[in-house]
Amino acid sequence: MPALEMTTREVLGGLQAAGVEEDLRADLRAFLDQCDLVKFAKVEPGAEASRSVLESGRAVVRRSAPRGGEPAPSGPGGAPPAGSGAGAEGSGAADEPAPAEGGVG
């Protein structure tokens, strides 16, 4: 699922169609709603709120990670999916577009 090009609603709809359990989708929705406030409404959360949202995101990742015996998703040739940040560099920073010259876009 190309989640980086999708809205929160589209991501959640795709996860519902894929059979992801409701409580995990609800937790992801709460996390993404907070992220959307920062991204689109330019809300500037304080340090404690930022830590709380970060921990919420980590909890969603932990809950959605493959369990023992389940293979991790992979791209062609068994490599991690493109843009997953699981490549040799590990940061995913190389997948980010460079900022436009002359300032913030």
C-alpha atoms as a PDB file:
ATOM      1  CA  MET A   1       0.000   0.000   0.000  1.00  0.00           C
ATOM      2  CA  PRO A   2       1.606   3.332  -1.024  1.00  0.00           C
ATOM      3  CA  ALA A   3       0.783   4.974   2.331  1.00  0.00           C
ATOM      4  CA  LEU A   4       3.070   7.979   1.813  1.00  0.00           C
ATOM      5  CA  GLU A   5       0.873   9.142  -1.072  1.00  0.00           C
ATOM      6  CA  MET A   6      -2.406   8.482   0.760  1.00  0.00           C
ATOM      7  CA  THR A   7      -4.575  10.479   3.136  1.00  0.00           C
ATOM      8  CA  THR A   8      -5.231   9.212   6.649  1.00  0.00           C
ATOM      9  CA  ARG A   9      -8.728   8.185   5.561  1.00  0.00           C
ATOM     10  CA  GLU A  10      -7.356   6.230   2.577  1.00  0.00           C
ATOM     11  CA  VAL A  11      -4.766   4.444   4.739  1.00  0.00           C
ATOM     12  CA  LEU A  12      -7.371   3.453   7.304  1.00  0.00           C
ATOM     13  CA  GLY A  13      -9.785   2.314   4.587  1.00  0.00           C
ATOM     14  CA  GLY A  14      -7.073   0.170   3.018  1.00  0.00           C
ATOM     15  CA  LEU A  15      -6.236  -1.382   6.368  1.00  0.00           C
ATOM     16  CA  GLN A  16      -9.919  -2.123   6.993  1.00  0.00           C
ATOM     17  CA  ALA A  17     -10.190  -3.767   3.574  1.00  0.00           C
ATOM     18  CA  ALA A  18      -7.079  -5.809   4.412  1.00  0.00           C
ATOM     19  CA  GLY A  19      -8.756  -7.088   7.580  1.00  0.00           C
ATOM     20  CA  VAL A  20      -6.629  -5.224  10.138  1.00  0.00           C
ATOM     21  CA  GLU A  21      -8.320  -5.357  13.533  1.00  0.00           C
ATOM     22  CA  GLU A  22     -10.435  -2.391  14.626  1.00  0.00           C
ATOM     23  CA  ASP A  23      -8.506  -1.571  17.805  1.00  0.00           C
ATOM     24  CA  LEU A  24      -5.214  -1.301  15.916  1.00  0.00           C
ATOM     25  CA  ARG A  25      -6.866   0.902  13.279  1.00  0.00           C
ATOM     26  CA  ALA A  26      -8.320   3.109  16.050  1.00  0.00           C
ATOM     27  CA  ASP A  27      -4.883   3.517  17.643  1.00  0.00           C
ATOM     28  CA  LEU A  28      -3.353   4.324  14.268  1.00  0.00           C
ATOM     29  CA  ARG A  29      -6.137   6.837  13.572  1.00  0.00           C
ATOM     30  CA  ALA A  30      -5.453   8.619  16.888  1.00  0.00           C
ATOM     31  CA  PHE A  31      -1.730   8.760  16.059  1.00  0.00           C
ATOM     32  CA  LEU A  32      -2.256   9.976  12.491  1.00  0.00           C
ATOM     33  CA  ASP A  33      -4.798  12.583  13.617  1.00  0.00           C
ATOM     34  CA  GLN A  34      -2.129  14.099  15.875  1.00  0.00           C
ATOM     35  CA  CYS A  35       0.404  14.011  13.046  1.00  0.00           C
ATOM     36  CA  ASP A  36      -2.086  15.683  10.699  1.00  0.00           C
ATOM     37  CA  LEU A  37      -2.549  18.537  13.186  1.00  0.00           C
ATOM     38  CA  VAL A  38       1.165  19.257  13.014  1.00  0.00           C
ATOM     39  CA  LYS A  39       1.449  18.755   9.268  1.00  0.00           C
ATOM     40  CA  PHE A  40      -1.632  20.615   8.078  1.00  0.00           C
ATOM     41  CA  ALA A  41      -2.814  22.877  10.919  1.00  0.00           C
ATOM     42  CA  LYS A  42       0.763  23.807  11.902  1.00  0.00           C
ATOM     43  CA  VAL A  43       0.068  22.964  15.567  1.00  0.00           C
ATOM     44  CA  GLU A  44       3.274  23.102  17.617  1.00  0.00           C
ATOM     45  CA  PRO A  45       2.912  20.539  20.415  1.00  0.00           C
ATOM     46  CA  GLY A  46       4.954  20.891  23.578  1.00  0.00           C
ATOM     47  CA  ALA A  47       7.672  18.464  24.606  1.00  0.00           C
ATOM     48  CA  GLU A  48       5.369  16.222  26.657  1.00  0.00           C
ATOM     49  CA  ALA A  49       2.751  16.024  23.902  1.00  0.00           C
ATOM     50  CA  SER A  50       5.493  15.233  21.382  1.00  0.00           C
ATOM     51  CA  ARG A  51       6.817  12.414  23.572  1.00  0.00           C
ATOM     52  CA  SER A  52       3.304  11.050  23.995  1.00  0.00           C
ATOM     53  CA  VAL A  53       2.641  11.014  20.238  1.00  0.00           C
ATOM     54  CA  LEU A  54       6.034   9.432  19.587  1.00  0.00           C
ATOM     55  CA  GLU A  55       5.275   6.650  22.077  1.00  0.00           C
ATOM     56  CA  SER A  56       1.843   6.163  20.474  1.00  0.00           C
ATOM     57  CA  GLY A  57       3.519   5.699  17.098  1.00  0.00           C
ATOM     58  CA  ARG A  58       6.021   3.250  18.540  1.00  0.00           C
ATOM     59  CA  ALA A  59       3.202   1.277  20.176  1.00  0.00           C
ATOM     60  CA  VAL A  60       1.360   1.022  16.839  1.00  0.00           C
ATOM     61  CA  VAL A  61       4.543  -0.190  15.139  1.00  0.00           C
ATOM     62  CA  ARG A  62       5.189  -2.784  17.854  1.00  0.00           C
ATOM     63  CA  ARG A  63       1.615  -4.062  17.633  1.00  0.00           C
ATOM     64  CA  SER A  64       1.691  -4.284  13.847  1.00  0.00           C
ATOM     65  CA  ALA A  65       5.146  -5.870  13.492  1.00  0.00           C
ATOM     66  CA  PRO A  66       5.228  -9.470  12.270  1.00  0.00           C
ATOM     67  CA  ARG A  67       5.236 -12.005  15.089  1.00  0.00           C
ATOM     68  CA  GLY A  68       7.563 -15.007  15.258  1.00  0.00           C
ATOM     69  CA  GLY A  69       6.992 -17.335  12.344  1.00  0.00           C
ATOM     70  CA  GLU A  70       5.512 -14.648  10.097  1.00  0.00           C
ATOM     71  CA  PRO A  71       7.785 -13.372   7.329  1.00  0.00           C
ATOM     72  CA  ALA A  72       8.444  -9.640   7.196  1.00  0.00           C
ATOM     73  CA  PRO A  73       7.149  -7.933   4.051  1.00  0.00           C
ATOM     74  CA  SER A  74       9.814  -7.716   1.378  1.00  0.00           C
ATOM     75  CA  GLY A  75      10.372  -6.249  -2.021  1.00  0.00           C
ATOM     76  CA  PRO A  76      11.800  -7.974  -5.093  1.00  0.00           C
ATOM     77  CA  GLY A  77      14.624 -10.405  -4.343  1.00  0.00           C
ATOM     78  CA  GLY A  78      13.822 -10.484  -0.618  1.00  0.00           C
ATOM     79  CA  ALA A  79      14.981  -6.897  -0.051  1.00  0.00           C
ATOM     80  CA  PRO A  80      13.019  -4.608   2.277  1.00  0.00           C
ATOM     81  CA  PRO A  81      10.301  -2.650   0.454  1.00  0.00           C
ATOM     82  CA  ALA A  82      11.511   0.579  -1.137  1.00  0.00           C
ATOM     83  CA  GLY A  83      11.274   3.507   1.246  1.00  0.00           C
ATOM     84  CA  SER A  84      10.964   1.260   4.302  1.00  0.00           C
ATOM     85  CA  GLY A  85      14.126   2.621   5.878  1.00  0.00           C
ATOM     86  CA  ALA A  86      15.290  -0.941   6.429  1.00  0.00           C
ATOM     87  CA  GLY A  87      18.067  -0.834   3.843  1.00  0.00           C
ATOM     88  CA  ALA A  88      21.795  -0.542   4.418  1.00  0.00           C
ATOM     89  CA  GLU A  89      21.550   3.051   5.563  1.00  0.00           C
ATOM     90  CA  GLY A  90      18.661   2.287   7.917  1.00  0.00           C
ATOM     91  CA  SER A  91      17.511   5.895   8.259  1.00  0.00           C
ATOM     92  CA  GLY A  92      15.388   6.233   5.141  1.00  0.00           C
ATOM     93  CA  ALA A  93      16.803   9.764   4.786  1.00  0.00           C
ATOM     94  CA  ALA A  94      17.949   8.990   1.251  1.00  0.00           C
ATOM     95  CA  ASP A  95      14.285   8.476   0.325  1.00  0.00           C
ATOM     96  CA  GLU A  96      13.384  12.044   1.292  1.00  0.00           C
ATOM     97  CA  PRO A  97      13.350  14.654  -1.469  1.00  0.00           C
ATOM     98  CA  ALA A  98      15.928  17.401  -1.156  1.00  0.00           C
ATOM     99  CA  PRO A  99      14.514  20.784  -0.094  1.00  0.00           C
ATOM    100  CA  ALA A 100      14.028  23.338  -2.828  1.00  0.00           C
ATOM    101  CA  GLU A 101      16.945  25.677  -3.261  1.00  0.00           C
ATOM    102  CA  GLY A 102      16.472  29.012  -1.558  1.00  0.00           C
ATOM    103  CA  GLY A 103      14.554  27.947   1.532  1.00  0.00           C
ATOM    104  CA  VAL A 104      11.719  25.901   2.890  1.00  0.00           C
ATOM    105  CA  GLY A 105       8.976  24.899   0.471  1.00  0.00           C
END
